[in-house]
C-alpha atoms as a PDB file:
ATOM      1  CA  MET A   1      92.187  91.790 105.808  1.00  0.00           C
ATOM      2  CA  LEU A   2      93.224  95.247 105.850  1.00  0.00           C
ATOM      3  CA  LEU A   3      95.361  97.114 103.081  1.00  0.00           C
ATOM      4  CA  GLN A   4      98.613  98.747 104.177  1.00  0.00           C
ATOM      5  CA  LEU A   5     100.127 102.002 102.482  1.00  0.00           C
ATOM      6  CA  ASN A   6     102.708 104.435 103.072  1.00  0.00           C
ATOM      7  CA  ALA A   7     100.043 107.037 102.260  1.00  0.00           C
ATOM      8  CA  ASN A   8      99.223 108.285 105.576  1.00  0.00           C
ATOM      9  CA  LYS A   9     101.099 108.509 109.093  1.00  0.00           C
ATOM     10  CA  ASP A  10     100.310 104.931 109.814  1.00  0.00           C
ATOM     11  CA  ASN A  11     102.865 104.084 107.125  1.00  0.00           C
ATOM     12  CA  HIS A  12     104.807 100.769 107.207  1.00  0.00           C
ATOM     13  CA  ARG A  13     107.593 102.159 109.354  1.00  0.00           C
ATOM     14  CA  LYS A  14     105.125 102.826 112.216  1.00  0.00           C
ATOM     15  CA  VAL A  15     103.241  99.672 111.585  1.00  0.00           C
ATOM     16  CA  LEU A  16     106.198  97.304 111.626  1.00  0.00           C
ATOM     17  CA  ALA A  17     107.814  99.031 114.778  1.00  0.00           C
ATOM     18  CA  GLU A  18     104.692  98.810 116.841  1.00  0.00           C
ATOM     19  CA  LEU A  19     104.328  95.123 115.890  1.00  0.00           C
ATOM     20  CA  ILE A  20     107.701  94.410 116.389  1.00  0.00           C
ATOM     21  CA  LYS A  21     107.882  96.109 120.004  1.00  0.00           C
ATOM     22  CA  ARG A  22     104.218  94.062 120.936  1.00  0.00           C
ATOM     23  CA  SER A  23     105.538  90.754 119.760  1.00  0.00           C
ATOM     24  CA  GLU A  24     107.494  87.655 121.224  1.00  0.00           C
ATOM     25  CA  ILE A  25     108.226  86.599 117.943  1.00  0.00           C
ATOM     26  CA  SER A  26     109.070  88.705 114.932  1.00  0.00           C
ATOM     27  CA  VAL A  27     109.894  87.653 111.333  1.00  0.00           C
ATOM     28  CA  LEU A  28     111.091  90.142 108.967  1.00  0.00           C
ATOM     29  CA  CYS A  29     111.780  89.007 105.397  1.00  0.00           C
ATOM     30  CA  SER A  30     112.877  91.869 103.039  1.00  0.00           C
ATOM     31  CA  GLY A  31     114.604  91.228  99.777  1.00  0.00           C
ATOM     32  CA  TRP A  32     116.487  94.637  99.983  1.00  0.00           C
ATOM     33  CA  LEU A  33     117.852  95.443 103.856  1.00  0.00           C
ATOM     34  CA  LYS A  34     119.198  99.150 103.796  1.00  0.00           C
ATOM     35  CA  GLN A  35     120.621 100.638 107.145  1.00  0.00           C
ATOM     36  CA  ALA A  36     118.620 103.905 106.049  1.00  0.00           C
ATOM     37  CA  GLY A  37     115.522 101.536 106.626  1.00  0.00           C
ATOM     38  CA  LEU A  38     116.709  99.429 109.252  1.00  0.00           C
ATOM     39  CA  LYS A  39     117.407 102.537 111.259  1.00  0.00           C
ATOM     40  CA  HIS A  40     113.599 102.853 111.146  1.00  0.00           C
ATOM     41  CA  LEU A  41     112.995  99.536 113.138  1.00  0.00           C
ATOM     42  CA  LEU A  42     115.976  99.661 115.431  1.00  0.00           C
ATOM     43  CA  PRO A  43     114.614 101.172 118.433  1.00  0.00           C
ATOM     44  CA  ALA A  44     111.556  98.640 118.253  1.00  0.00           C
ATOM     45  CA  ILE A  45     114.158  96.017 117.728  1.00  0.00           C
ATOM     46  CA  ASP A  46     116.006  96.696 120.740  1.00  0.00           C
ATOM     47  CA  LEU A  47     113.022  97.256 122.914  1.00  0.00           C
ATOM     48  CA  ALA A  48     111.619  93.775 121.697  1.00  0.00           C
ATOM     49  CA  LEU A  49     115.186  92.254 122.493  1.00  0.00           C
ATOM     50  CA  LYS A  50     115.277  93.577 125.818  1.00  0.00           C
ATOM     51  CA  ASN A  51     112.068  91.783 126.348  1.00  0.00           C
ATOM     52  CA  LYS A  52     113.377  88.751 125.005  1.00  0.00           C
ATOM     53  CA  SER A  53     111.668  88.468 121.954  1.00  0.00           C
ATOM     54  CA  GLN A  54     112.608  86.223 119.214  1.00  0.00           C
ATOM     55  CA  ILE A  55     113.669  87.971 115.797  1.00  0.00           C
ATOM     56  CA  THR A  56     114.939  86.679 112.545  1.00  0.00           C
ATOM     57  CA  ILE A  57     115.566  88.817 109.614  1.00  0.00           C
ATOM     58  CA  TYR A  58     115.795  87.310 106.075  1.00  0.00           C
ATOM     59  CA  SER A  59     117.589  89.593 102.909  1.00  0.00           C
ATOM     60  CA  ASN A  60     119.605  89.085  99.632  1.00  0.00           C
ATOM     61  CA  LYS A  61     123.285  89.134 100.002  1.00  0.00           C
ATOM     62  CA  LYS A  62     123.346  91.252  96.840  1.00  0.00           C
ATOM     63  CA  HIS A  63     121.052  93.823  98.377  1.00  0.00           C
ATOM     64  CA  THR A  64     122.017  93.697 101.925  1.00  0.00           C
ATOM     65  CA  ASP A  65     124.404  96.955 102.764  1.00  0.00           C
ATOM     66  CA  SER A  66     127.473  96.457 105.238  1.00  0.00           C
ATOM     67  CA  GLU A  67     126.220  99.017 107.732  1.00  0.00           C
ATOM     68  CA  ALA A  68     122.901  96.928 108.177  1.00  0.00           C
ATOM     69  CA  ILE A  69     124.698  93.849 108.492  1.00  0.00           C
ATOM     70  CA  GLU A  70     127.142  95.229 111.166  1.00  0.00           C
ATOM     71  CA  SER A  71     123.728  96.779 112.880  1.00  0.00           C
ATOM     72  CA  LEU A  72     122.115  93.150 113.073  1.00  0.00           C
ATOM     73  CA  LYS A  73     125.607  91.625 113.981  1.00  0.00           C
ATOM     74  CA  SER A  74     125.955  93.810 117.035  1.00  0.00           C
ATOM     75  CA  ARG A  75     122.570  92.533 118.492  1.00  0.00           C
ATOM     76  CA  GLU A  76     123.634  88.876 119.021  1.00  0.00           C
ATOM     77  CA  SER A  77     120.356  87.586 119.566  1.00  0.00           C
ATOM     78  CA  ILE A  78     119.147  88.418 116.043  1.00  0.00           C
ATOM     79  CA  LEU A  79     118.997  85.482 113.632  1.00  0.00           C
ATOM     80  CA  HIS A  80     120.046  87.044 110.416  1.00  0.00           C
ATOM     81  CA  ILE A  81     119.672  84.924 107.379  1.00  0.00           C
ATOM     82  CA  VAL A  82     121.336  86.057 104.162  1.00  0.00           C
ATOM     83  CA  VAL A  83     120.266  84.333 100.907  1.00  0.00           C
ATOM     84  CA  ASP A  84     122.906  83.917  98.540  1.00  0.00           C
ATOM     85  CA  ASP A  85     121.599  85.203  95.240  1.00  0.00           C
ATOM     86  CA  SER A  86     123.546  82.826  92.857  1.00  0.00           C
ATOM     87  CA  ALA A  87     121.414  79.876  94.591  1.00  0.00           C
ATOM     88  CA  LYS A  88     118.143  81.809  95.161  1.00  0.00           C
ATOM     89  CA  TYR A  89     116.775  85.328  94.849  1.00  0.00           C
ATOM     90  CA  LEU A  90     114.734  86.357  97.804  1.00  0.00           C
ATOM     91  CA  HIS A  91     111.865  88.894  96.476  1.00  0.00           C
ATOM     92  CA  SER A  92     109.277  87.817  99.194  1.00  0.00           C
ATOM     93  CA  LYS A  93     108.254  90.965 101.670  1.00  0.00           C
ATOM     94  CA  ILE A  94     106.633  89.151 104.357  1.00  0.00           C
ATOM     95  CA  TYR A  95     106.577  90.636 108.091  1.00  0.00           C
ATOM     96  CA  TYR A  96     105.350  87.898 110.496  1.00  0.00           C
ATOM     97  CA  PHE A  97     104.456  88.386 114.361  1.00  0.00           C
ATOM     98  CA  GLU A  98     103.092  86.378 117.167  1.00  0.00           C
ATOM     99  CA  ASN A  99     101.839  87.452 120.523  1.00  0.00           C
ATOM    100  CA  ALA A 100      99.549  85.973 122.970  1.00  0.00           C
ATOM    101  CA  GLY A 101      98.535  83.072 120.686  1.00  0.00           C
ATOM    102  CA  GLU A 102      97.735  85.386 117.844  1.00  0.00           C
ATOM    103  CA  TYR A 103      99.736  86.369 114.900  1.00  0.00           C
ATOM    104  CA  LYS A 104      99.606  89.336 112.171  1.00  0.00           C
ATOM    105  CA  ALA A 105     101.312  89.018 108.947  1.00  0.00           C
ATOM    106  CA  ILE A 106     101.804  91.904 106.459  1.00  0.00           C
ATOM    107  CA  ILE A 107     102.625  90.745 102.550  1.00  0.00           C
ATOM    108  CA  GLY A 108     103.371  93.155 100.109  1.00  0.00           C
ATOM    109  CA  SER A 109     105.870  95.142  98.085  1.00  0.00           C
ATOM    110  CA  ALA A 110     107.855  97.292 100.806  1.00  0.00           C
ATOM    111  CA  ASN A 111     111.594  96.264 101.638  1.00  0.00           C
ATOM    112  CA  ILE A 112     113.250  97.657 104.681  1.00  0.00           C
ATOM    113  CA  THR A 113     114.656 100.470 103.077  1.00  0.00           C
ATOM    114  CA  ASN A 114     113.721 104.420 103.849  1.00  0.00           C
ATOM    115  CA  GLY A 115     111.812 104.658 100.477  1.00  0.00           C
ATOM    116  CA  GLY A 116     110.009 101.078 101.399  1.00  0.00           C
ATOM    117  CA  LEU A 117     108.950 102.036 104.920  1.00  0.00           C
ATOM    118  CA  THR A 118     108.067 105.682 104.766  1.00  0.00           C
ATOM    119  CA  SER A 119     107.717 107.187 101.202  1.00  0.00           C
ATOM    120  CA  ASN A 120     107.212 104.955  98.251  1.00  0.00           C
ATOM    121  CA  GLU A 121     104.139 104.055  96.988  1.00  0.00           C
ATOM    122  CA  GLU A 122     103.667 100.729  98.457  1.00  0.00           C
ATOM    123  CA  LEU A 123     100.802  98.340  99.047  1.00  0.00           C
ATOM    124  CA  SER A 124     100.649  95.333 101.363  1.00  0.00           C
ATOM    125  CA  VAL A 125      97.736  93.431 102.831  1.00  0.00           C
ATOM    126  CA  SER A 126      97.637  92.656 106.762  1.00  0.00           C
ATOM    127  CA  LEU A 127      96.346  89.527 107.810  1.00  0.00           C
ATOM    128  CA  ALA A 128      95.562  88.574 111.315  1.00  0.00           C
ATOM    129  CA  GLY A 129      94.084  85.610 113.248  1.00  0.00           C
ATOM    130  CA  THR A 130      94.916  82.967 115.911  1.00  0.00           C
ATOM    131  CA  ILE A 131      98.222  80.924 115.535  1.00  0.00           C
ATOM    132  CA  GLY A 132      97.186  77.542 114.225  1.00  0.00           C
ATOM    133  CA  ASP A 133      94.424  78.701 111.671  1.00  0.00           C
ATOM    134  CA  SER A 134      94.755  77.466 108.027  1.00  0.00           C
ATOM    135  CA  GLN A 135      95.866  80.468 107.256  1.00  0.00           C
ATOM    136  CA  ASN A 136      98.781  80.699 109.641  1.00  0.00           C
ATOM    137  CA  ASN A 137      99.720  77.089 108.660  1.00  0.00           C
ATOM    138  CA  GLN A 138     100.253  78.379 105.420  1.00  0.00           C
ATOM    139  CA  ILE A 139     102.393  81.379 106.598  1.00  0.00           C
ATOM    140  CA  LYS A 140     104.351  79.135 108.644  1.00  0.00           C
ATOM    141  CA  LYS A 141     105.148  76.686 105.996  1.00  0.00           C
ATOM    142  CA  TYR A 142     106.375  79.411 103.868  1.00  0.00           C
ATOM    143  CA  LEU A 143     108.401  80.528 106.412  1.00  0.00           C
ATOM    144  CA  ALA A 144     109.929  77.067 107.142  1.00  0.00           C
ATOM    145  CA  ARG A 145     110.720  76.889 103.761  1.00  0.00           C
ATOM    146  CA  LEU A 146     112.698  80.315 103.856  1.00  0.00           C
ATOM    147  CA  LYS A 147     115.147  78.709 106.526  1.00  0.00           C
ATOM    148  CA  THR A 148     116.524  76.323 103.872  1.00  0.00           C
ATOM    149  CA  VAL A 149     117.270  79.148 101.203  1.00  0.00           C
ATOM    150  CA  GLY A 150     119.902  81.119 103.154  1.00  0.00           C
ATOM    151  CA  HIS A 151     122.809  80.824 106.018  1.00  0.00           C
ATOM    152  CA  PRO A 152     123.153  82.745 109.191  1.00  0.00           C
ATOM    153  CA  ASN A 153     125.126  85.990 108.864  1.00  0.00           C
END
């Protein structure tokens, strides 16, 4: 387990971008999704899509700005699931990545906003292991649950 902060050059933006670039599967779950934050990750997302990576993004309808929606819609192979706040409020911030039989998950407070990824006082825990281990099974169970609370945008 490692702690992830925005207090140094390896902030959430840098760490998430690197993981997106290197992963076969990326799941980004952020209650707030703002274009100002998403733009930090788009170069990595575009590279990952070029390499045929699977990317799923979850966000709240109320806290997802229209520019971010349009940016994701223009990348047709991204699955963007929007949670309707009237039914369920998505507050989770979990970033999950798989590559070559290994996984990494970053779970904490950072949303996909400019401040959340670069300058806010954020704290996340970084977990890693082998796909199929007990920790991974718990995380994947939660991610499967997320599929039931929203709808593709």
